[in-house]
């Protein structure tokens, strides 16, 4: 039973990671994919840095992890809703032709 759960969890997380980069590259297009994925990684890392002290403060004030889990769930829900609101359909973004990117000198 445990091996089956572990296998399913690995498949789901691997597909989620692949989808994250696939969506970023699709939205950015070939001219700005590196910048887009770099920004995604920066925001994800920044969230990791902020989460630890916030969780510690919530646990210290409440004495349990209940509020910390509620805040984590609310942030996750808001993030998923923001994806649906900010990106209504998946497709390449038309970037301004005059703006240089890292790929174009």
C-alpha atoms as a PDB file:
ATOM      1  CA  UNK A   1       0.000   0.000   0.000  1.00  0.00           C
ATOM      2  CA  UNK A   2       2.739   2.470   0.968  1.00  0.00           C
ATOM      3  CA  UNK A   3       4.698   1.831  -2.224  1.00  0.00           C
ATOM      4  CA  UNK A   4       1.605   2.542  -4.343  1.00  0.00           C
ATOM      5  CA  UNK A   5       0.964   5.853  -2.590  1.00  0.00           C
ATOM      6  CA  UNK A   6       4.605   6.842  -2.998  1.00  0.00           C
ATOM      7  CA  UNK A   7       4.537   5.984  -6.699  1.00  0.00           C
ATOM      8  CA  UNK A   8       1.373   8.025  -7.288  1.00  0.00           C
ATOM      9  CA  UNK A   9       2.809  10.972  -5.349  1.00  0.00           C
ATOM     10  CA  UNK A  10       6.004  10.918  -7.446  1.00  0.00           C
ATOM     11  CA  UNK A  11       4.021  10.820 -10.680  1.00  0.00           C
ATOM     12  CA  UNK A  12       1.816  13.739  -9.633  1.00  0.00           C
ATOM     13  CA  UNK A  13       4.666  15.940  -8.447  1.00  0.00           C
ATOM     14  CA  UNK A  14       6.741  15.181 -11.539  1.00  0.00           C
ATOM     15  CA  UNK A  15       3.849  16.109 -13.817  1.00  0.00           C
ATOM     16  CA  UNK A  16       3.213  19.298 -11.850  1.00  0.00           C
ATOM     17  CA  UNK A  17       6.866  20.326 -12.202  1.00  0.00           C
ATOM     18  CA  UNK A  18       6.826  19.606 -15.925  1.00  0.00           C
ATOM     19  CA  UNK A  19       3.581  21.560 -16.339  1.00  0.00           C
ATOM     20  CA  UNK A  20       5.050  24.537 -14.479  1.00  0.00           C
ATOM     21  CA  UNK A  21       7.915  24.873 -16.948  1.00  0.00           C
ATOM     22  CA  UNK A  22       5.748  23.997 -19.944  1.00  0.00           C
ATOM     23  CA  UNK A  23       3.247  26.741 -19.117  1.00  0.00           C
ATOM     24  CA  UNK A  24       6.003  29.280 -18.490  1.00  0.00           C
ATOM     25  CA  UNK A  25       7.722  28.509 -21.775  1.00  0.00           C
ATOM     26  CA  UNK A  26       4.434  28.582 -23.666  1.00  0.00           C
ATOM     27  CA  UNK A  27       3.472  31.963 -22.249  1.00  0.00           C
ATOM     28  CA  UNK A  28       6.898  33.519 -22.707  1.00  0.00           C
ATOM     29  CA  UNK A  29       7.655  32.161 -26.151  1.00  0.00           C
ATOM     30  CA  UNK A  30      11.149  31.523 -27.456  1.00  0.00           C
ATOM     31  CA  UNK A  31      12.357  35.120 -26.926  1.00  0.00           C
ATOM     32  CA  UNK A  32      11.725  35.382 -23.179  1.00  0.00           C
ATOM     33  CA  UNK A  33      11.397  31.831 -21.809  1.00  0.00           C
ATOM     34  CA  UNK A  34      14.572  32.075 -19.729  1.00  0.00           C
ATOM     35  CA  UNK A  35      13.519  35.338 -18.121  1.00  0.00           C
ATOM     36  CA  UNK A  36      10.019  34.051 -17.385  1.00  0.00           C
ATOM     37  CA  UNK A  37      11.201  30.810 -15.794  1.00  0.00           C
ATOM     38  CA  UNK A  38      13.857  32.729 -13.859  1.00  0.00           C
ATOM     39  CA  UNK A  39      11.164  35.011 -12.419  1.00  0.00           C
ATOM     40  CA  UNK A  40       9.034  31.986 -11.476  1.00  0.00           C
ATOM     41  CA  UNK A  41      11.984  30.430  -9.650  1.00  0.00           C
ATOM     42  CA  UNK A  42      12.736  33.739  -7.884  1.00  0.00           C
ATOM     43  CA  UNK A  43       9.164  34.108  -6.621  1.00  0.00           C
ATOM     44  CA  UNK A  44       9.077  30.478  -5.495  1.00  0.00           C
ATOM     45  CA  UNK A  45      12.357  30.869  -3.626  1.00  0.00           C
ATOM     46  CA  UNK A  46      11.218  34.128  -2.054  1.00  0.00           C
ATOM     47  CA  UNK A  47       8.089  32.374  -0.801  1.00  0.00           C
ATOM     48  CA  UNK A  48      10.258  29.681   0.762  1.00  0.00           C
ATOM     49  CA  UNK A  49      12.271  32.316   2.627  1.00  0.00           C
ATOM     50  CA  UNK A  50       9.184  34.163   3.919  1.00  0.00           C
ATOM     51  CA  UNK A  51       7.228  31.049   4.884  1.00  0.00           C
ATOM     52  CA  UNK A  52       9.554  29.815   7.636  1.00  0.00           C
ATOM     53  CA  UNK A  53       9.479  32.901   9.875  1.00  0.00           C
ATOM     54  CA  UNK A  54       5.750  33.467   9.289  1.00  0.00           C
ATOM     55  CA  UNK A  55       4.976  29.872  10.270  1.00  0.00           C
ATOM     56  CA  UNK A  56       7.152  30.206  13.359  1.00  0.00           C
ATOM     57  CA  UNK A  57       5.357  33.372  14.478  1.00  0.00           C
ATOM     58  CA  UNK A  58       1.928  31.804  13.921  1.00  0.00           C
ATOM     59  CA  UNK A  59       2.840  28.663  15.854  1.00  0.00           C
ATOM     60  CA  UNK A  60       4.358  30.688  18.711  1.00  0.00           C
ATOM     61  CA  UNK A  61       1.280  32.904  19.008  1.00  0.00           C
ATOM     62  CA  UNK A  62      -1.343  30.155  18.663  1.00  0.00           C
ATOM     63  CA  UNK A  63       0.472  27.259  20.276  1.00  0.00           C
ATOM     64  CA  UNK A  64      -0.423  24.858  17.447  1.00  0.00           C
ATOM     65  CA  UNK A  65      -0.148  24.513  13.681  1.00  0.00           C
ATOM     66  CA  UNK A  66      -3.849  25.041  12.883  1.00  0.00           C
ATOM     67  CA  UNK A  67      -3.610  28.683  11.815  1.00  0.00           C
ATOM     68  CA  UNK A  68      -0.365  28.043   9.925  1.00  0.00           C
ATOM     69  CA  UNK A  69      -2.075  25.316   7.869  1.00  0.00           C
ATOM     70  CA  UNK A  70      -5.113  27.551   7.280  1.00  0.00           C
ATOM     71  CA  UNK A  71      -2.900  30.386   6.025  1.00  0.00           C
ATOM     72  CA  UNK A  72      -0.961  27.983   3.779  1.00  0.00           C
ATOM     73  CA  UNK A  73      -4.224  26.653   2.334  1.00  0.00           C
ATOM     74  CA  UNK A  74      -5.598  30.166   1.754  1.00  0.00           C
ATOM     75  CA  UNK A  75      -2.413  31.288  -0.008  1.00  0.00           C
ATOM     76  CA  UNK A  76      -2.485  28.156  -2.184  1.00  0.00           C
ATOM     77  CA  UNK A  77      -6.132  28.739  -3.102  1.00  0.00           C
ATOM     78  CA  UNK A  78      -5.504  32.410  -3.889  1.00  0.00           C
ATOM     79  CA  UNK A  79      -2.510  31.474  -6.035  1.00  0.00           C
ATOM     80  CA  UNK A  80      -4.553  28.979  -8.047  1.00  0.00           C
ATOM     81  CA  UNK A  81      -7.364  31.515  -8.473  1.00  0.00           C
ATOM     82  CA  UNK A  82      -4.838  34.147  -9.590  1.00  0.00           C
ATOM     83  CA  UNK A  83      -3.538  31.799 -12.298  1.00  0.00           C
ATOM     84  CA  UNK A  84      -7.073  31.427 -13.644  1.00  0.00           C
ATOM     85  CA  UNK A  85      -7.724  35.164 -13.467  1.00  0.00           C
ATOM     86  CA  UNK A  86      -4.390  36.486 -14.760  1.00  0.00           C
ATOM     87  CA  UNK A  87      -3.987  33.824 -17.462  1.00  0.00           C
ATOM     88  CA  UNK A  88      -7.474  33.094 -18.826  1.00  0.00           C
ATOM     89  CA  UNK A  89      -6.177  31.028 -21.756  1.00  0.00           C
ATOM     90  CA  UNK A  90      -2.877  29.320 -22.375  1.00  0.00           C
ATOM     91  CA  UNK A  91      -0.987  30.665 -25.366  1.00  0.00           C
ATOM     92  CA  UNK A  92       2.091  32.697 -26.264  1.00  0.00           C
ATOM     93  CA  UNK A  93       2.112  36.330 -25.186  1.00  0.00           C
ATOM     94  CA  UNK A  94       2.810  38.833 -27.934  1.00  0.00           C
ATOM     95  CA  UNK A  95       5.844  40.776 -26.737  1.00  0.00           C
ATOM     96  CA  UNK A  96       6.620  44.238 -28.095  1.00  0.00           C
ATOM     97  CA  UNK A  97       8.989  43.915 -31.052  1.00  0.00           C
ATOM     98  CA  UNK A  98      11.149  46.851 -29.952  1.00  0.00           C
ATOM     99  CA  UNK A  99      11.925  45.570 -26.476  1.00  0.00           C
ATOM    100  CA  UNK A 100      15.209  43.688 -26.199  1.00  0.00           C
ATOM    101  CA  UNK A 101      15.384  40.486 -24.212  1.00  0.00           C
ATOM    102  CA  UNK A 102      18.346  38.563 -22.864  1.00  0.00           C
ATOM    103  CA  UNK A 103      18.286  36.391 -25.994  1.00  0.00           C
ATOM    104  CA  UNK A 104      18.523  39.355 -28.382  1.00  0.00           C
ATOM    105  CA  UNK A 105      21.512  41.712 -28.184  1.00  0.00           C
END
